[in-house]
PDB file of N, CA and C in Angstrom:
ATOM      1  N   MET A   1      72.288  83.978  85.415  1.00  0.00           N
ATOM      2  CA  MET A   1      72.570  84.764  86.595  1.00  0.00           C
ATOM      3  C   MET A   1      73.733  85.709  86.277  1.00  0.00           C
ATOM      4  N   ARG A   2      73.539  86.982  86.559  1.00  0.00           N
ATOM      5  CA  ARG A   2      74.567  88.005  86.315  1.00  0.00           C
ATOM      6  C   ARG A   2      75.719  87.815  87.296  1.00  0.00           C
ATOM      7  N   THR A   3      76.901  87.619  86.748  1.00  0.00           N
ATOM      8  CA  THR A   3      78.062  87.396  87.595  1.00  0.00           C
ATOM      9  C   THR A   3      79.199  88.337  87.240  1.00  0.00           C
ATOM     10  N   TYR A   4      80.033  88.575  88.212  1.00  0.00           N
ATOM     11  CA  TYR A   4      81.205  89.430  88.088  1.00  0.00           C
ATOM     12  C   TYR A   4      82.388  88.550  88.464  1.00  0.00           C
ATOM     13  N   LEU A   5      83.412  88.518  87.641  1.00  0.00           N
ATOM     14  CA  LEU A   5      84.563  87.652  87.863  1.00  0.00           C
ATOM     15  C   LEU A   5      85.797  88.490  88.175  1.00  0.00           C
ATOM     16  N   ILE A   6      86.443  88.186  89.303  1.00  0.00           N
ATOM     17  CA  ILE A   6      87.698  88.838  89.663  1.00  0.00           C
ATOM     18  C   ILE A   6      88.791  87.787  89.611  1.00  0.00           C
ATOM     19  N   GLU A   7      89.651  87.920  88.611  1.00  0.00           N
ATOM     20  CA  GLU A   7      90.745  86.970  88.404  1.00  0.00           C
ATOM     21  C   GLU A   7      92.011  87.753  88.068  1.00  0.00           C
ATOM     22  N   PRO A   8      92.934  87.871  89.035  1.00  0.00           N
ATOM     23  CA  PRO A   8      94.158  88.635  88.805  1.00  0.00           C
ATOM     24  C   PRO A   8      95.060  88.046  87.713  1.00  0.00           C
ATOM     25  N   GLN A   9      95.009  86.754  87.507  1.00  0.00           N
ATOM     26  CA  GLN A   9      95.822  86.118  86.475  1.00  0.00           C
ATOM     27  C   GLN A   9      94.993  86.016  85.197  1.00  0.00           C
ATOM     28  N   THR A  10      95.166  86.987  84.323  1.00  0.00           N
ATOM     29  CA  THR A  10      94.302  87.098  83.138  1.00  0.00           C
ATOM     30  C   THR A  10      94.353  85.869  82.232  1.00  0.00           C
ATOM     31  N   ILE A  11      95.370  85.073  82.327  1.00  0.00           N
ATOM     32  CA  ILE A  11      95.466  83.877  81.493  1.00  0.00           C
ATOM     33  C   ILE A  11      94.333  82.893  81.800  1.00  0.00           C
ATOM     34  N   PHE A  12      93.776  82.937  83.015  1.00  0.00           N
ATOM     35  CA  PHE A  12      92.719  82.011  83.407  1.00  0.00           C
ATOM     36  C   PHE A  12      91.313  82.543  83.128  1.00  0.00           C
ATOM     37  N   VAL A  13      91.188  83.814  82.776  1.00  0.00           N
ATOM     38  CA  VAL A  13      89.869  84.412  82.560  1.00  0.00           C
ATOM     39  C   VAL A  13      89.067  83.672  81.484  1.00  0.00           C
ATOM     40  N   PRO A  14      89.629  83.366  80.301  1.00  0.00           N
ATOM     41  CA  PRO A  14      88.825  82.654  79.292  1.00  0.00           C
ATOM     42  C   PRO A  14      88.305  81.300  79.789  1.00  0.00           C
ATOM     43  N   PHE A  15      89.155  80.554  80.493  1.00  0.00           N
ATOM     44  CA  PHE A  15      88.727  79.266  81.038  1.00  0.00           C
ATOM     45  C   PHE A  15      87.578  79.445  82.027  1.00  0.00           C
ATOM     46  N   LEU A  16      87.722  80.379  82.953  1.00  0.00           N
ATOM     47  CA  LEU A  16      86.682  80.593  83.962  1.00  0.00           C
ATOM     48  C   LEU A  16      85.392  81.112  83.329  1.00  0.00           C
ATOM     49  N   ARG A  17      85.498  82.004  82.360  1.00  0.00           N
ATOM     50  CA  ARG A  17      84.300  82.501  81.663  1.00  0.00           C
ATOM     51  C   ARG A  17      83.552  81.345  80.994  1.00  0.00           C
ATOM     52  N   ARG A  18      84.317  80.480  80.310  1.00  0.00           N
ATOM     53  CA  ARG A  18      83.707  79.332  79.625  1.00  0.00           C
ATOM     54  C   ARG A  18      83.047  78.396  80.629  1.00  0.00           C
ATOM     55  N   MET A  19      83.742  78.108  81.720  1.00  0.00           N
ATOM     56  CA  MET A  19      83.208  77.202  82.732  1.00  0.00           C
ATOM     57  C   MET A  19      81.933  77.774  83.355  1.00  0.00           C
ATOM     58  N   LEU A  20      81.957  79.056  83.685  1.00  0.00           N
ATOM     59  CA  LEU A  20      80.782  79.677  84.291  1.00  0.00           C
ATOM     60  C   LEU A  20      79.626  79.741  83.306  1.00  0.00           C
ATOM     61  N   ALA A  21      79.912  80.035  82.040  1.00  0.00           N
ATOM     62  CA  ALA A  21      78.858  80.055  81.020  1.00  0.00           C
ATOM     63  C   ALA A  21      78.245  78.668  80.871  1.00  0.00           C
ATOM     64  N   HIS A  22      79.075  77.644  80.911  1.00  0.00           N
ATOM     65  CA  HIS A  22      78.595  76.254  80.819  1.00  0.00           C
ATOM     66  C   HIS A  22      77.640  75.932  81.979  1.00  0.00           C
ATOM     67  N   ALA A  23      77.884  76.540  83.121  1.00  0.00           N
ATOM     68  CA  ALA A  23      77.040  76.314  84.301  1.00  0.00           C
ATOM     69  C   ALA A  23      75.826  77.233  84.332  1.00  0.00           C
ATOM     70  N   GLY A  24      75.683  78.115  83.317  1.00  0.00           N
ATOM     71  CA  GLY A  24      74.513  78.982  83.257  1.00  0.00           C
ATOM     72  C   GLY A  24      74.701  80.359  83.856  1.00  0.00           C
ATOM     73  N   PHE A  25      75.946  80.739  84.136  1.00  0.00           N
ATOM     74  CA  PHE A  25      76.226  82.057  84.688  1.00  0.00           C
ATOM     75  C   PHE A  25      76.609  83.007  83.563  1.00  0.00           C
ATOM     76  N   ASP A  26      76.055  84.201  83.571  1.00  0.00           N
ATOM     77  CA  ASP A  26      76.344  85.222  82.576  1.00  0.00           C
ATOM     78  C   ASP A  26      77.380  86.178  83.155  1.00  0.00           C
ATOM     79  N   VAL A  27      78.638  86.054  82.722  1.00  0.00           N
ATOM     80  CA  VAL A  27      79.706  86.920  83.226  1.00  0.00           C
ATOM     81  C   VAL A  27      79.565  88.274  82.554  1.00  0.00           C
ATOM     82  N   VAL A  28      79.134  89.277  83.325  1.00  0.00           N
ATOM     83  CA  VAL A  28      78.888  90.613  82.775  1.00  0.00           C
ATOM     84  C   VAL A  28      80.135  91.482  82.815  1.00  0.00           C
ATOM     85  N   ALA A  29      81.124  91.129  83.647  1.00  0.00           N
ATOM     86  CA  ALA A  29      82.353  91.914  83.724  1.00  0.00           C
ATOM     87  C   ALA A  29      83.448  91.081  84.382  1.00  0.00           C
ATOM     88  N   THR A  30      84.685  91.411  84.016  1.00  0.00           N
ATOM     89  CA  THR A  30      85.832  90.793  84.671  1.00  0.00           C
ATOM     90  C   THR A  30      86.784  91.901  85.108  1.00  0.00           C
ATOM     91  N   ALA A  31      87.556  91.601  86.139  1.00  0.00           N
ATOM     92  CA  ALA A  31      88.530  92.567  86.638  1.00  0.00           C
ATOM     93  C   ALA A  31      89.717  91.809  87.214  1.00  0.00           C
ATOM     94  N   GLY A  32      90.846  92.483  87.283  1.00  0.00           N
ATOM     95  CA  GLY A  32      92.043  91.887  87.853  1.00  0.00           C
ATOM     96  C   GLY A  32      92.197  92.139  89.335  1.00  0.00           C
ATOM     97  N   GLY A  33      91.307  92.962  89.877  1.00  0.00           N
ATOM     98  CA  GLY A  33      91.343  93.283  91.297  1.00  0.00           C
ATOM     99  C   GLY A  33      89.973  93.760  91.745  1.00  0.00           C
ATOM    100  N   VAL A  34      89.865  94.096  93.002  1.00  0.00           N
ATOM    101  CA  VAL A  34      88.592  94.532  93.563  1.00  0.00           C
ATOM    102  C   VAL A  34      88.391  96.017  93.263  1.00  0.00           C
ATOM    103  N   ASP A  35      87.379  96.306  92.463  1.00  0.00           N
ATOM    104  CA  ASP A  35      87.000  97.677  92.135  1.00  0.00           C
ATOM    105  C   ASP A  35      85.558  97.857  92.604  1.00  0.00           C
ATOM    106  N   SER A  36      85.389  98.387  93.798  1.00  0.00           N
ATOM    107  CA  SER A  36      84.068  98.486  94.418  1.00  0.00           C
ATOM    108  C   SER A  36      83.059  99.230  93.551  1.00  0.00           C
ATOM    109  N   ARG A  37      83.487 100.318  92.931  1.00  0.00           N
ATOM    110  CA  ARG A  37      82.567 101.094  92.087  1.00  0.00           C
ATOM    111  C   ARG A  37      82.102 100.295  90.885  1.00  0.00           C
ATOM    112  N   ASP A  38      83.022  99.564  90.260  1.00  0.00           N
ATOM    113  CA  ASP A  38      82.662  98.768  89.088  1.00  0.00           C
ATOM    114  C   ASP A  38      81.719  97.629  89.474  1.00  0.00           C
ATOM    115  N   ILE A  39      82.001  97.001  90.605  1.00  0.00           N
ATOM    116  CA  ILE A  39      81.115  95.924  91.074  1.00  0.00           C
ATOM    117  C   ILE A  39      79.717  96.480  91.313  1.00  0.00           C
ATOM    118  N   THR A  40      79.618  97.589  92.009  1.00  0.00           N
ATOM    119  CA  THR A  40      78.326  98.211  92.295  1.00  0.00           C
ATOM    120  C   THR A  40      77.612  98.591  91.001  1.00  0.00           C
ATOM    121  N   ALA A  41      78.340  99.135  90.037  1.00  0.00           N
ATOM    122  CA  ALA A  41      77.739  99.553  88.763  1.00  0.00           C
ATOM    123  C   ALA A  41      77.147  98.380  87.991  1.00  0.00           C
ATOM    124  N   HIS A  42      77.759  97.203  88.095  1.00  0.00           N
ATOM    125  CA  HIS A  42      77.258  96.030  87.367  1.00  0.00           C
ATOM    126  C   HIS A  42      76.159  95.281  88.122  1.00  0.00           C
ATOM    127  N   ASP A  43      76.004  95.557  89.405  1.00  0.00           N
ATOM    128  CA  ASP A  43      74.963  94.946  90.232  1.00  0.00           C
ATOM    129  C   ASP A  43      74.816  93.440  89.989  1.00  0.00           C
ATOM    130  N   PRO A  44      75.886  92.674  90.209  1.00  0.00           N
ATOM    131  CA  PRO A  44      75.816  91.236  89.937  1.00  0.00           C
ATOM    132  C   PRO A  44      75.040  90.481  91.015  1.00  0.00           C
ATOM    133  N   ALA A  45      74.517  89.336  90.621  1.00  0.00           N
ATOM    134  CA  ALA A  45      73.873  88.444  91.583  1.00  0.00           C
ATOM    135  C   ALA A  45      74.917  87.575  92.273  1.00  0.00           C
ATOM    136  N   ALA A  46      76.078  87.448  91.620  1.00  0.00           N
ATOM    137  CA  ALA A  46      77.167  86.661  92.197  1.00  0.00           C
ATOM    138  C   ALA A  46      78.499  87.272  91.795  1.00  0.00           C
ATOM    139  N   VAL A  47      79.462  87.172  92.700  1.00  0.00           N
ATOM    140  CA  VAL A  47      80.820  87.618  92.430  1.00  0.00           C
ATOM    141  C   VAL A  47      81.739  86.426  92.677  1.00  0.00           C
ATOM    142  N   PHE A  48      82.502  86.054  91.650  1.00  0.00           N
ATOM    143  CA  PHE A  48      83.485  84.989  91.772  1.00  0.00           C
ATOM    144  C   PHE A  48      84.848  85.653  91.886  1.00  0.00           C
ATOM    145  N   VAL A  49      85.606  85.284  92.898  1.00  0.00           N
ATOM    146  CA  VAL A  49      86.899  85.933  93.114  1.00  0.00           C
ATOM    147  C   VAL A  49      87.971  84.897  93.423  1.00  0.00           C
ATOM    148  N   ASP A  50      89.062  84.947  92.649  1.00  0.00           N
ATOM    149  CA  ASP A  50      90.226  84.120  92.918  1.00  0.00           C
ATOM    150  C   ASP A  50      91.009  84.846  94.008  1.00  0.00           C
ATOM    151  N   VAL A  51      90.964  84.342  95.221  1.00  0.00           N
ATOM    152  CA  VAL A  51      91.551  85.037  96.363  1.00  0.00           C
ATOM    153  C   VAL A  51      93.045  84.787  96.531  1.00  0.00           C
ATOM    154  N   ASP A  52      93.626  83.927  95.720  1.00  0.00           N
ATOM    155  CA  ASP A  52      95.031  83.567  95.909  1.00  0.00           C
ATOM    156  C   ASP A  52      96.020  84.625  95.442  1.00  0.00           C
ATOM    157  N   TYR A  53      95.644  85.449  94.490  1.00  0.00           N
ATOM    158  CA  TYR A  53      96.614  86.361  93.882  1.00  0.00           C
ATOM    159  C   TYR A  53      96.227  87.831  93.970  1.00  0.00           C
ATOM    160  N   LEU A  54      95.361  88.174  94.873  1.00  0.00           N
ATOM    161  CA  LEU A  54      94.959  89.565  95.029  1.00  0.00           C
ATOM    162  C   LEU A  54      96.027  90.352  95.766  1.00  0.00           C
ATOM    163  N   GLU A  55      96.075  91.667  95.488  1.00  0.00           N
ATOM    164  CA  GLU A  55      97.042  92.529  96.180  1.00  0.00           C
ATOM    165  C   GLU A  55      96.794  92.504  97.689  1.00  0.00           C
ATOM    166  N   ARG A  56      95.543  92.594  98.069  1.00  0.00           N
ATOM    167  CA  ARG A  56      95.181  92.490  99.493  1.00  0.00           C
ATOM    168  C   ARG A  56      94.860  91.029  99.765  1.00  0.00           C
ATOM    169  N   GLY A  57      94.928  90.627 101.020  1.00  0.00           N
ATOM    170  CA  GLY A  57      94.615  89.251 101.361  1.00  0.00           C
ATOM    171  C   GLY A  57      93.172  88.896 101.010  1.00  0.00           C
ATOM    172  N   GLY A  58      92.921  87.626 100.789  1.00  0.00           N
ATOM    173  CA  GLY A  58      91.598  87.158 100.403  1.00  0.00           C
ATOM    174  C   GLY A  58      90.474  87.621 101.321  1.00  0.00           C
ATOM    175  N   PRO A  59      90.593  87.411 102.628  1.00  0.00           N
ATOM    176  CA  PRO A  59      89.518  87.850 103.525  1.00  0.00           C
ATOM    177  C   PRO A  59      89.262  89.355 103.479  1.00  0.00           C
ATOM    178  N   THR A  60      90.323  90.153 103.361  1.00  0.00           N
ATOM    179  CA  THR A  60      90.156  91.606 103.261  1.00  0.00           C
ATOM    180  C   THR A  60      89.422  91.968 101.980  1.00  0.00           C
ATOM    181  N   ALA A  61      89.800  91.332 100.885  1.00  0.00           N
ATOM    182  CA  ALA A  61      89.127  91.579  99.600  1.00  0.00           C
ATOM    183  C   ALA A  61      87.662  91.168  99.667  1.00  0.00           C
ATOM    184  N   ILE A  62      87.389  90.061 100.319  1.00  0.00           N
ATOM    185  CA  ILE A  62      85.999  89.593 100.430  1.00  0.00           C
ATOM    186  C   ILE A  62      85.161  90.609 101.201  1.00  0.00           C
ATOM    187  N   CYS A  63      85.715  91.183 102.248  1.00  0.00           N
ATOM    188  CA  CYS A  63      84.990  92.237 102.988  1.00  0.00           C
ATOM    189  C   CYS A  63      84.641  93.406 102.076  1.00  0.00           C
ATOM    190  N   ARG A  64      85.578  93.843 101.252  1.00  0.00           N
ATOM    191  CA  ARG A  64      85.322  94.949 100.319  1.00  0.00           C
ATOM    192  C   ARG A  64      84.268  94.570  99.289  1.00  0.00           C
ATOM    193  N   ILE A  65      84.344  93.338  98.787  1.00  0.00           N
ATOM    194  CA  ILE A  65      83.357  92.873  97.800  1.00  0.00           C
ATOM    195  C   ILE A  65      81.980  92.826  98.442  1.00  0.00           C
ATOM    196  N   ARG A  66      81.906  92.323  99.653  1.00  0.00           N
ATOM    197  CA  ARG A  66      80.621  92.209 100.360  1.00  0.00           C
ATOM    198  C   ARG A  66      79.992  93.590 100.534  1.00  0.00           C
ATOM    199  N   GLU A  67      80.787  94.610 100.824  1.00  0.00           N
ATOM    200  CA  GLU A  67      80.262  95.970 100.953  1.00  0.00           C
ATOM    201  C   GLU A  67      79.724  96.486  99.631  1.00  0.00           C
ATOM    202  N   ALA A  68      80.399  96.160  98.526  1.00  0.00           N
ATOM    203  CA  ALA A  68      80.002  96.656  97.208  1.00  0.00           C
ATOM    204  C   ALA A  68      78.828  95.888  96.631  1.00  0.00           C
ATOM    205  N   ALA A  69      78.709  94.623  96.976  1.00  0.00           N
ATOM    206  CA  ALA A  69      77.662  93.764  96.405  1.00  0.00           C
ATOM    207  C   ALA A  69      76.924  93.064  97.537  1.00  0.00           C
ATOM    208  N   GLN A  70      76.195  93.850  98.311  1.00  0.00           N
ATOM    209  CA  GLN A  70      75.593  93.344  99.537  1.00  0.00           C
ATOM    210  C   GLN A  70      74.622  92.186  99.327  1.00  0.00           C
ATOM    211  N   GLY A  71      73.873  92.204  98.256  1.00  0.00           N
ATOM    212  CA  GLY A  71      72.900  91.134  98.033  1.00  0.00           C
ATOM    213  C   GLY A  71      73.421  89.975  97.214  1.00  0.00           C
ATOM    214  N   ALA A  72      74.659  90.066  96.748  1.00  0.00           N
ATOM    215  CA  ALA A  72      75.215  89.040  95.859  1.00  0.00           C
ATOM    216  C   ALA A  72      75.846  87.896  96.641  1.00  0.00           C
ATOM    217  N   ALA A  73      75.856  86.741  96.019  1.00  0.00           N
ATOM    218  CA  ALA A  73      76.629  85.621  96.550  1.00  0.00           C
ATOM    219  C   ALA A  73      78.086  85.901  96.219  1.00  0.00           C
ATOM    220  N   VAL A  74      78.976  85.652  97.158  1.00  0.00           N
ATOM    221  CA  VAL A  74      80.403  85.850  96.935  1.00  0.00           C
ATOM    222  C   VAL A  74      81.071  84.482  97.022  1.00  0.00           C
ATOM    223  N   ILE A  75      81.627  84.050  95.887  1.00  0.00           N
ATOM    224  CA  ILE A  75      82.259  82.741  95.820  1.00  0.00           C
ATOM    225  C   ILE A  75      83.766  82.936  95.725  1.00  0.00           C
ATOM    226  N   ALA A  76      84.490  82.450  96.708  1.00  0.00           N
ATOM    227  CA  ALA A  76      85.946  82.539  96.730  1.00  0.00           C
ATOM    228  C   ALA A  76      86.525  81.280  96.101  1.00  0.00           C
ATOM    229  N   LEU A  77      87.399  81.475  95.131  1.00  0.00           N
ATOM    230  CA  LEU A  77      88.107  80.366  94.493  1.00  0.00           C
ATOM    231  C   LEU A  77      89.534  80.376  95.019  1.00  0.00           C
ATOM    232  N   SER A  78      90.035  79.220  95.461  1.00  0.00           N
ATOM    233  CA  SER A  78      91.364  79.185  96.062  1.00  0.00           C
ATOM    234  C   SER A  78      92.023  77.830  95.875  1.00  0.00           C
ATOM    235  N   ASP A  79      93.350  77.851  95.804  1.00  0.00           N
ATOM    236  CA  ASP A  79      94.125  76.603  95.826  1.00  0.00           C
ATOM    237  C   ASP A  79      94.327  76.126  97.254  1.00  0.00           C
ATOM    238  N   VAL A  80      94.156  77.027  98.205  1.00  0.00           N
ATOM    239  CA  VAL A  80      94.364  76.707  99.617  1.00  0.00           C
ATOM    240  C   VAL A  80      93.232  75.797 100.084  1.00  0.00           C
ATOM    241  N   THR A  81      93.593  74.682 100.697  1.00  0.00           N
ATOM    242  CA  THR A  81      92.584  73.740 101.186  1.00  0.00           C
ATOM    243  C   THR A  81      92.465  73.750 102.706  1.00  0.00           C
ATOM    244  N   ASP A  82      93.139  74.680 103.332  1.00  0.00           N
ATOM    245  CA  ASP A  82      93.115  74.811 104.786  1.00  0.00           C
ATOM    246  C   ASP A  82      91.714  75.219 105.248  1.00  0.00           C
ATOM    247  N   THR A  83      91.127  74.456 106.152  1.00  0.00           N
ATOM    248  CA  THR A  83      89.775  74.761 106.620  1.00  0.00           C
ATOM    249  C   THR A  83      89.720  76.061 107.408  1.00  0.00           C
ATOM    250  N   LEU A  84      90.796  76.430 108.082  1.00  0.00           N
ATOM    251  CA  LEU A  84      90.836  77.693 108.812  1.00  0.00           C
ATOM    252  C   LEU A  84      90.762  78.868 107.836  1.00  0.00           C
ATOM    253  N   PHE A  85      91.484  78.788 106.716  1.00  0.00           N
ATOM    254  CA  PHE A  85      91.432  79.836 105.703  1.00  0.00           C
ATOM    255  C   PHE A  85      90.018  79.928 105.124  1.00  0.00           C
ATOM    256  N   ALA A  86      89.414  78.793 104.821  1.00  0.00           N
ATOM    257  CA  ALA A  86      88.047  78.782 104.280  1.00  0.00           C
ATOM    258  C   ALA A  86      87.080  79.410 105.277  1.00  0.00           C
ATOM    259  N   ALA A  87      87.220  79.069 106.555  1.00  0.00           N
ATOM    260  CA  ALA A  87      86.340  79.634 107.584  1.00  0.00           C
ATOM    261  C   ALA A  87      86.533  81.143 107.691  1.00  0.00           C
ATOM    262  N   THR A  88      87.772  81.602 107.571  1.00  0.00           N
ATOM    263  CA  THR A  88      88.052  83.039 107.618  1.00  0.00           C
ATOM    264  C   THR A  88      87.387  83.750 106.441  1.00  0.00           C
ATOM    265  N   CYS A  89      87.418  83.124 105.281  1.00  0.00           N
ATOM    266  CA  CYS A  89      86.753  83.705 104.103  1.00  0.00           C
ATOM    267  C   CYS A  89      85.243  83.798 104.329  1.00  0.00           C
ATOM    268  N   VAL A  90      84.657  82.772 104.901  1.00  0.00           N
ATOM    269  CA  VAL A  90      83.213  82.778 105.157  1.00  0.00           C
ATOM    270  C   VAL A  90      82.867  83.843 106.200  1.00  0.00           C
ATOM    271  N   ILE A  91      83.644  83.933 107.248  1.00  0.00           N
ATOM    272  CA  ILE A  91      83.415  84.957 108.273  1.00  0.00           C
ATOM    273  C   ILE A  91      83.541  86.355 107.663  1.00  0.00           C
ATOM    274  N   SER A  92      84.417  86.499 106.674  1.00  0.00           N
ATOM    275  CA  SER A  92      84.622  87.788 106.009  1.00  0.00           C
ATOM    276  C   SER A  92      83.515  88.135 105.022  1.00  0.00           C
ATOM    277  N   GLY A  93      82.638  87.164 104.727  1.00  0.00           N
ATOM    278  CA  GLY A  93      81.509  87.449 103.857  1.00  0.00           C
ATOM    279  C   GLY A  93      81.333  86.542 102.662  1.00  0.00           C
ATOM    280  N   ALA A  94      82.211  85.572 102.476  1.00  0.00           N
ATOM    281  CA  ALA A  94      82.059  84.644 101.350  1.00  0.00           C
ATOM    282  C   ALA A  94      80.858  83.734 101.590  1.00  0.00           C
ATOM    283  N   THR A  95      80.100  83.510 100.537  1.00  0.00           N
ATOM    284  CA  THR A  95      78.985  82.574 100.598  1.00  0.00           C
ATOM    285  C   THR A  95      79.514  81.147 100.594  1.00  0.00           C
ATOM    286  N   ALA A  96      80.582  80.941  99.818  1.00  0.00           N
ATOM    287  CA  ALA A  96      81.212  79.619  99.724  1.00  0.00           C
ATOM    288  C   ALA A  96      82.662  79.786  99.306  1.00  0.00           C
ATOM    289  N   VAL A  97      83.463  78.773  99.615  1.00  0.00           N
ATOM    290  CA  VAL A  97      84.861  78.732  99.192  1.00  0.00           C
ATOM    291  C   VAL A  97      85.028  77.443  98.395  1.00  0.00           C
ATOM    292  N   CYS A  98      85.495  77.570  97.154  1.00  0.00           N
ATOM    293  CA  CYS A  98      85.679  76.428  96.273  1.00  0.00           C
ATOM    294  C   CYS A  98      87.150  76.231  95.983  1.00  0.00           C
ATOM    295  N   SER A  99      87.579  74.999  95.941  1.00  0.00           N
ATOM    296  CA  SER A  99      88.965  74.683  95.633  1.00  0.00           C
ATOM    297  C   SER A  99      89.154  74.590  94.127  1.00  0.00           C
ATOM    298  N   LYS A 100      90.129  75.326  93.622  1.00  0.00           N
ATOM    299  CA  LYS A 100      90.442  75.271  92.192  1.00  0.00           C
ATOM    300  C   LYS A 100      91.087  73.939  91.835  1.00  0.00           C
ATOM    301  N   GLY A 101      91.654  73.269  92.806  1.00  0.00           N
ATOM    302  CA  GLY A 101      92.343  72.012  92.553  1.00  0.00           C
ATOM    303  C   GLY A 101      91.421  70.821  92.388  1.00  0.00           C
ATOM    304  N   ASP A 102      90.132  71.002  92.611  1.00  0.00           N
ATOM    305  CA  ASP A 102      89.202  69.879  92.535  1.00  0.00           C
ATOM    306  C   ASP A 102      88.797  69.517  91.112  1.00  0.00           C
ATOM    307  N   GLY A 103      89.129  70.327  90.152  1.00  0.00           N
ATOM    308  CA  GLY A 103      88.748  70.051  88.772  1.00  0.00           C
ATOM    309  C   GLY A 103      87.429  70.724  88.424  1.00  0.00           C
ATOM    310  N   GLU A 104      87.215  70.887  87.143  1.00  0.00           N
ATOM    311  CA  GLU A 104      86.065  71.638  86.643  1.00  0.00           C
ATOM    312  C   GLU A 104      84.720  71.041  87.054  1.00  0.00           C
ATOM    313  N   GLU A 105      84.567  69.735  86.926  1.00  0.00           N
ATOM    314  CA  GLU A 105      83.268  69.120  87.230  1.00  0.00           C
ATOM    315  C   GLU A 105      82.899  69.258  88.706  1.00  0.00           C
ATOM    316  N   LYS A 106      83.847  69.007  89.597  1.00  0.00           N
ATOM    317  CA  LYS A 106      83.552  69.147  91.026  1.00  0.00           C
ATOM    318  C   LYS A 106      83.290  70.604  91.382  1.00  0.00           C
ATOM    319  N   LEU A 107      84.039  71.518  90.777  1.00  0.00           N
ATOM    320  CA  LEU A 107      83.814  72.946  91.018  1.00  0.00           C
ATOM    321  C   LEU A 107      82.407  73.337  90.571  1.00  0.00           C
ATOM    322  N   LEU A 108      81.984  72.861  89.412  1.00  0.00           N
ATOM    323  CA  LEU A 108      80.635  73.167  88.928  1.00  0.00           C
ATOM    324  C   LEU A 108      79.569  72.573  89.847  1.00  0.00           C
ATOM    325  N   ARG A 109      79.787  71.353  90.332  1.00  0.00           N
ATOM    326  CA  ARG A 109      78.820  70.753  91.277  1.00  0.00           C
ATOM    327  C   ARG A 109      78.727  71.584  92.546  1.00  0.00           C
ATOM    328  N   THR A 110      79.873  72.044  93.049  1.00  0.00           N
ATOM    329  CA  THR A 110      79.885  72.870  94.257  1.00  0.00           C
ATOM    330  C   THR A 110      79.127  74.176  94.013  1.00  0.00           C
ATOM    331  N   LEU A 111      79.367  74.812  92.871  1.00  0.00           N
ATOM    332  CA  LEU A 111      78.676  76.064  92.549  1.00  0.00           C
ATOM    333  C   LEU A 111      77.172  75.860  92.448  1.00  0.00           C
ATOM    334  N   ARG A 112      76.759  74.814  91.746  1.00  0.00           N
ATOM    335  CA  ARG A 112      75.321  74.545  91.612  1.00  0.00           C
ATOM    336  C   ARG A 112      74.689  74.260  92.971  1.00  0.00           C
ATOM    337  N   SER A 113      75.376  73.501  93.799  1.00  0.00           N
ATOM    338  CA  SER A 113      74.878  73.193  95.134  1.00  0.00           C
ATOM    339  C   SER A 113      74.757  74.469  95.975  1.00  0.00           C
ATOM    340  N   THR A 114      75.755  75.326  95.888  1.00  0.00           N
ATOM    341  CA  THR A 114      75.735  76.579  96.638  1.00  0.00           C
ATOM    342  C   THR A 114      74.545  77.425  96.231  1.00  0.00           C
ATOM    343  N   PHE A 115      74.309  77.544  94.929  1.00  0.00           N
ATOM    344  CA  PHE A 115      73.209  78.388  94.482  1.00  0.00           C
ATOM    345  C   PHE A 115      71.847  77.740  94.711  1.00  0.00           C
ATOM    346  N   ALA A 116      71.791  76.431  94.766  1.00  0.00           N
ATOM    347  CA  ALA A 116      70.537  75.761  95.124  1.00  0.00           C
ATOM    348  C   ALA A 116      70.197  76.069  96.584  1.00  0.00           C
ATOM    349  N   ARG A 117      71.208  76.053  97.467  1.00  0.00           N
ATOM    350  CA  ARG A 117      70.982  76.395  98.878  1.00  0.00           C
ATOM    351  C   ARG A 117      70.568  77.844  99.014  1.00  0.00           C
ATOM    352  N   GLU A 118      71.187  78.743  98.232  1.00  0.00           N
ATOM    353  CA  GLU A 118      70.835  80.172  98.256  1.00  0.00           C
ATOM    354  C   GLU A 118      69.375  80.347  97.859  1.00  0.00           C
ATOM    355  N   ALA A 119      68.941  79.661  96.816  1.00  0.00           N
ATOM    356  CA  ALA A 119      67.560  79.756  96.335  1.00  0.00           C
ATOM    357  C   ALA A 119      66.583  79.240  97.393  1.00  0.00           C
ATOM    358  N   GLU A 120      66.931  78.132  98.049  1.00  0.00           N
ATOM    359  CA  GLU A 120      66.083  77.597  99.112  1.00  0.00           C
ATOM    360  C   GLU A 120      65.948  78.601 100.254  1.00  0.00           C
ATOM    361  N   SER A 121      67.057  79.238 100.621  1.00  0.00           N
ATOM    362  CA  SER A 121      67.024  80.225 101.706  1.00  0.00           C
ATOM    363  C   SER A 121      66.138  81.413 101.349  1.00  0.00           C
ATOM    364  N   LEU A 122      66.243  81.876 100.115  1.00  0.00           N
ATOM    365  CA  LEU A 122      65.392  82.995  99.671  1.00  0.00           C
ATOM    366  C   LEU A 122      63.917  82.615  99.690  1.00  0.00           C
ATOM    367  N   ASN A 123      63.606  81.409  99.213  1.00  0.00           N
ATOM    368  CA  ASN A 123      62.215  80.963  99.193  1.00  0.00           C
ATOM    369  C   ASN A 123      61.667  80.788 100.616  1.00  0.00           C
ATOM    370  N   ALA A 124      62.487  80.283 101.525  1.00  0.00           N
ATOM    371  CA  ALA A 124      62.057  80.101 102.905  1.00  0.00           C
ATOM    372  C   ALA A 124      61.804  81.440 103.588  1.00  0.00           C
ATOM    373  N   ALA A 125      62.567  82.453 103.212  1.00  0.00           N
ATOM    374  CA  ALA A 125      62.421  83.778 103.813  1.00  0.00           C
ATOM    375  C   ALA A 125      61.126  84.475 103.368  1.00  0.00           C
ATOM    376  N   ARG A 126      60.624  84.071 102.234  1.00  0.00           N
ATOM    377  CA  ARG A 126      59.387  84.678 101.706  1.00  0.00           C
ATOM    378  C   ARG A 126      58.225  84.140 102.460  1.00  0.00           C
TER     379      ARG A 126
END
């Protein structure tokens, strides 16, 4: 699956690329911030965004990403475990919000579960 990774802290990009590749995601581009034109140009099926360190707030960034990648799943990665923050991200357009603090295996299970639900929804719509 073609994915676009937005991670402002470049030190974590290699780890996230490896983790996503292990889960079967093909990271076609990475960026340190939201670049709507670049996202649109890569036409990803999924956008992974670390919402904790963006210049704009996470929900605002998610709205911009959703506009640029209308058909893509938008996965917000965050250290924040507040359910209100997660709900705000979903209302802003996130498909799912994953906690970075849960560890790699739980994060991968959450991602796989999210995309399994997405696939079921697409099949049901047909």
